[in-house]
């Protein structure tokens, strides 16, 4: 796994890819031999991924709310 804190835009635009990377980082952090320096890098990697996931979930909630409102107006 790359240890820099930058990710391809494709990853950050996809909930599934961002979540997958978070899972990979989580597994790496659970290694009892991981150094403190690597742990700091992994922690920094998580921030943009978490933000990407939260943004995608918020966008999806807005879309669902609009669809529900449309369906209610259709009745």
N, C-alpha and C. Protein backbone atom coordinates (compact mmCIF):
# COMPACT_ATOMS: atom_id res chain seq x y z
N UNK A 1 0.84 -1.18 0.00
CA UNK A 1 0.00 0.00 0.00
C UNK A 1 0.89 1.25 0.00
N UNK A 2 0.49 2.23 -0.84
CA UNK A 2 1.23 3.48 -0.85
C UNK A 2 1.08 4.17 0.49
N UNK A 3 2.15 4.81 0.91
CA UNK A 3 2.10 5.47 2.21
C UNK A 3 1.98 6.98 2.09
N UNK A 4 1.81 7.51 0.88
CA UNK A 4 1.59 8.95 0.80
C UNK A 4 0.14 9.25 1.16
N UNK A 5 -0.20 10.52 1.26
CA UNK A 5 -1.54 10.87 1.70
C UNK A 5 -2.43 11.34 0.54
N UNK A 6 -1.98 11.18 -0.68
CA UNK A 6 -2.78 11.60 -1.83
C UNK A 6 -3.36 10.38 -2.53
N UNK A 7 -4.59 10.53 -2.97
CA UNK A 7 -5.27 9.46 -3.68
C UNK A 7 -5.76 9.96 -5.03
N UNK A 8 -5.86 9.06 -5.96
CA UNK A 8 -6.40 9.35 -7.28
C UNK A 8 -7.84 9.86 -7.12
N UNK A 9 -8.22 10.83 -7.93
CA UNK A 9 -9.58 11.37 -7.88
C UNK A 9 -10.63 10.28 -8.08
N UNK A 10 -10.30 9.26 -8.88
CA UNK A 10 -11.23 8.16 -9.13
C UNK A 10 -11.60 7.49 -7.80
N UNK A 11 -10.62 7.31 -6.95
CA UNK A 11 -10.87 6.69 -5.64
C UNK A 11 -11.74 7.59 -4.79
N UNK A 12 -11.41 8.87 -4.74
CA UNK A 12 -12.14 9.80 -3.88
C UNK A 12 -13.56 10.08 -4.36
N UNK A 13 -13.86 9.82 -5.62
CA UNK A 13 -15.21 10.02 -6.14
C UNK A 13 -16.09 8.79 -5.96
N UNK A 14 -15.50 7.69 -5.57
CA UNK A 14 -16.24 6.44 -5.42
C UNK A 14 -16.31 6.05 -3.95
N UNK A 15 -17.52 5.90 -3.45
CA UNK A 15 -17.69 5.45 -2.07
C UNK A 15 -17.05 4.09 -1.88
N UNK A 16 -17.33 3.17 -2.80
CA UNK A 16 -16.82 1.80 -2.65
C UNK A 16 -15.30 1.75 -2.63
N UNK A 17 -14.65 2.49 -3.54
CA UNK A 17 -13.19 2.49 -3.57
C UNK A 17 -12.59 3.16 -2.33
N UNK A 18 -13.20 4.25 -1.90
CA UNK A 18 -12.72 4.94 -0.69
C UNK A 18 -12.87 4.05 0.53
N UNK A 19 -14.02 3.38 0.63
CA UNK A 19 -14.25 2.50 1.77
C UNK A 19 -13.29 1.32 1.75
N UNK A 20 -13.03 0.80 0.56
CA UNK A 20 -12.08 -0.31 0.42
C UNK A 20 -10.69 0.11 0.91
N UNK A 21 -10.26 1.32 0.52
CA UNK A 21 -8.95 1.82 0.97
C UNK A 21 -8.93 1.98 2.49
N UNK A 22 -10.03 2.47 3.06
CA UNK A 22 -10.10 2.60 4.52
C UNK A 22 -9.97 1.24 5.20
N UNK A 23 -10.58 0.23 4.62
CA UNK A 23 -10.46 -1.11 5.18
C UNK A 23 -9.02 -1.62 5.10
N UNK A 24 -8.35 -1.34 3.98
CA UNK A 24 -6.96 -1.75 3.82
C UNK A 24 -6.07 -1.05 4.85
N UNK A 25 -6.30 0.23 5.05
CA UNK A 25 -5.52 0.99 6.03
C UNK A 25 -5.79 0.45 7.44
N UNK A 26 -7.04 0.16 7.72
CA UNK A 26 -7.39 -0.39 9.03
C UNK A 26 -6.65 -1.70 9.29
N UNK A 27 -6.61 -2.56 8.30
CA UNK A 27 -5.89 -3.83 8.45
C UNK A 27 -4.40 -3.59 8.68
N UNK A 28 -3.83 -2.64 7.94
CA UNK A 28 -2.41 -2.34 8.09
C UNK A 28 -2.12 -1.78 9.48
N UNK A 29 -3.04 -0.98 10.02
CA UNK A 29 -2.84 -0.38 11.33
C UNK A 29 -2.96 -1.42 12.45
N UNK A 30 -3.66 -2.50 12.19
CA UNK A 30 -3.83 -3.54 13.20
C UNK A 30 -2.59 -4.44 13.33
N UNK A 31 -1.67 -4.33 12.41
CA UNK A 31 -0.44 -5.12 12.47
C UNK A 31 0.36 -4.70 13.71
N UNK A 32 0.68 -5.65 14.53
CA UNK A 32 1.39 -5.33 15.77
C UNK A 32 2.80 -4.81 15.53
N UNK A 33 3.32 -4.98 14.32
CA UNK A 33 4.67 -4.52 14.00
C UNK A 33 4.70 -3.17 13.30
N UNK A 34 3.55 -2.53 13.14
CA UNK A 34 3.51 -1.24 12.45
C UNK A 34 4.21 -0.19 13.32
N UNK A 35 5.03 0.61 12.67
CA UNK A 35 5.78 1.64 13.41
C UNK A 35 4.88 2.85 13.71
N UNK A 36 5.30 3.64 14.64
CA UNK A 36 4.57 4.86 14.99
C UNK A 36 4.55 5.81 13.79
N UNK A 37 5.66 5.88 13.07
CA UNK A 37 5.72 6.74 11.88
C UNK A 37 4.71 6.30 10.83
N UNK A 38 4.65 4.99 10.58
CA UNK A 38 3.67 4.47 9.63
C UNK A 38 2.25 4.69 10.12
N UNK A 39 2.03 4.54 11.41
CA UNK A 39 0.70 4.76 11.98
C UNK A 39 0.26 6.20 11.73
N UNK A 40 1.17 7.16 11.86
CA UNK A 40 0.85 8.57 11.60
C UNK A 40 0.49 8.78 10.14
N UNK A 41 1.22 8.14 9.26
CA UNK A 41 0.93 8.25 7.82
C UNK A 41 -0.43 7.66 7.51
N UNK A 42 -0.70 6.48 8.05
CA UNK A 42 -2.00 5.85 7.82
C UNK A 42 -3.14 6.72 8.33
N UNK A 43 -2.95 7.33 9.49
CA UNK A 43 -3.98 8.20 10.05
C UNK A 43 -4.25 9.38 9.12
N UNK A 44 -3.18 9.96 8.55
CA UNK A 44 -3.34 11.08 7.62
C UNK A 44 -4.04 10.65 6.34
N UNK A 45 -3.82 9.41 5.92
CA UNK A 45 -4.48 8.90 4.72
C UNK A 45 -5.99 8.78 4.92
N UNK A 46 -6.39 8.51 6.14
CA UNK A 46 -7.81 8.28 6.41
C UNK A 46 -8.67 9.52 6.20
N UNK A 47 -8.16 10.69 6.51
CA UNK A 47 -8.97 11.91 6.48
C UNK A 47 -9.64 12.16 5.13
N UNK A 48 -8.90 12.20 4.01
CA UNK A 48 -9.60 12.46 2.74
C UNK A 48 -10.55 11.34 2.36
N UNK A 49 -10.24 10.12 2.76
CA UNK A 49 -11.12 8.99 2.45
C UNK A 49 -12.42 9.08 3.24
N UNK A 50 -12.32 9.42 4.51
CA UNK A 50 -13.51 9.58 5.34
C UNK A 50 -14.37 10.73 4.82
N UNK A 51 -13.73 11.84 4.47
CA UNK A 51 -14.47 12.98 3.92
C UNK A 51 -15.18 12.58 2.63
N UNK A 52 -14.50 11.84 1.77
CA UNK A 52 -15.10 11.39 0.51
C UNK A 52 -16.32 10.52 0.77
N UNK A 53 -16.20 9.61 1.72
CA UNK A 53 -17.33 8.73 2.05
C UNK A 53 -18.50 9.53 2.62
N UNK A 54 -18.20 10.44 3.55
CA UNK A 54 -19.27 11.26 4.13
C UNK A 54 -19.97 12.11 3.08
N UNK A 55 -19.18 12.70 2.16
CA UNK A 55 -19.77 13.52 1.10
C UNK A 55 -20.68 12.69 0.19
N UNK A 56 -20.22 11.50 -0.17
CA UNK A 56 -21.02 10.64 -1.05
C UNK A 56 -22.30 10.22 -0.36
N UNK A 57 -22.23 9.89 0.93
CA UNK A 57 -23.43 9.52 1.68
C UNK A 57 -24.40 10.70 1.77
N UNK A 58 -23.88 11.90 1.97
CA UNK A 58 -24.73 13.09 2.04
C UNK A 58 -25.40 13.35 0.69
N UNK A 59 -24.65 13.22 -0.39
CA UNK A 59 -25.23 13.40 -1.73
C UNK A 59 -26.33 12.38 -1.99
N UNK A 60 -26.07 11.15 -1.59
CA UNK A 60 -27.06 10.10 -1.79
C UNK A 60 -28.31 10.38 -0.97
N UNK A 61 -28.15 10.88 0.25
CA UNK A 61 -29.30 11.21 1.08
C UNK A 61 -30.15 12.30 0.44
N UNK A 62 -29.51 13.30 -0.13
CA UNK A 62 -30.23 14.37 -0.83
C UNK A 62 -31.02 13.79 -2.00
N UNK A 63 -30.38 12.92 -2.78
CA UNK A 63 -31.06 12.29 -3.91
C UNK A 63 -32.26 11.48 -3.46
N UNK A 64 -32.10 10.72 -2.39
CA UNK A 64 -33.21 9.90 -1.88
C UNK A 64 -34.34 10.79 -1.37
N UNK A 65 -34.00 11.84 -0.66
CA UNK A 65 -35.01 12.77 -0.16
C UNK A 65 -35.81 13.38 -1.31
N UNK A 66 -35.12 13.75 -2.39
CA UNK A 66 -35.81 14.31 -3.55
C UNK A 66 -36.74 13.29 -4.20
N UNK A 67 -36.28 12.06 -4.31
CA UNK A 67 -37.12 11.01 -4.88
C UNK A 67 -38.34 10.73 -4.02
N UNK A 68 -38.17 10.70 -2.73
CA UNK A 68 -39.30 10.47 -1.83
C UNK A 68 -40.31 11.61 -1.95
N UNK A 69 -39.80 12.84 -2.00
CA UNK A 69 -40.69 13.99 -2.14
C UNK A 69 -41.45 13.92 -3.47
N UNK A 70 -40.75 13.54 -4.52
CA UNK A 70 -41.40 13.39 -5.83
C UNK A 70 -42.52 12.36 -5.77
N UNK A 71 -42.22 11.24 -5.13
CA UNK A 71 -43.24 10.18 -5.01
C UNK A 71 -44.43 10.65 -4.18
N UNK A 72 -44.17 11.40 -3.13
CA UNK A 72 -45.26 11.92 -2.30
C UNK A 72 -46.10 12.92 -3.07
N UNK A 73 -45.49 13.75 -3.90
CA UNK A 73 -46.20 14.73 -4.71
C UNK A 73 -46.99 14.05 -5.82
N UNK A 74 -46.56 12.90 -6.23
CA UNK A 74 -47.21 12.17 -7.33
C UNK A 74 -48.54 11.58 -6.90
N UNK A 75 -48.67 11.28 -5.60
CA UNK A 75 -49.90 10.65 -5.09
C UNK A 75 -51.04 11.53 -5.29
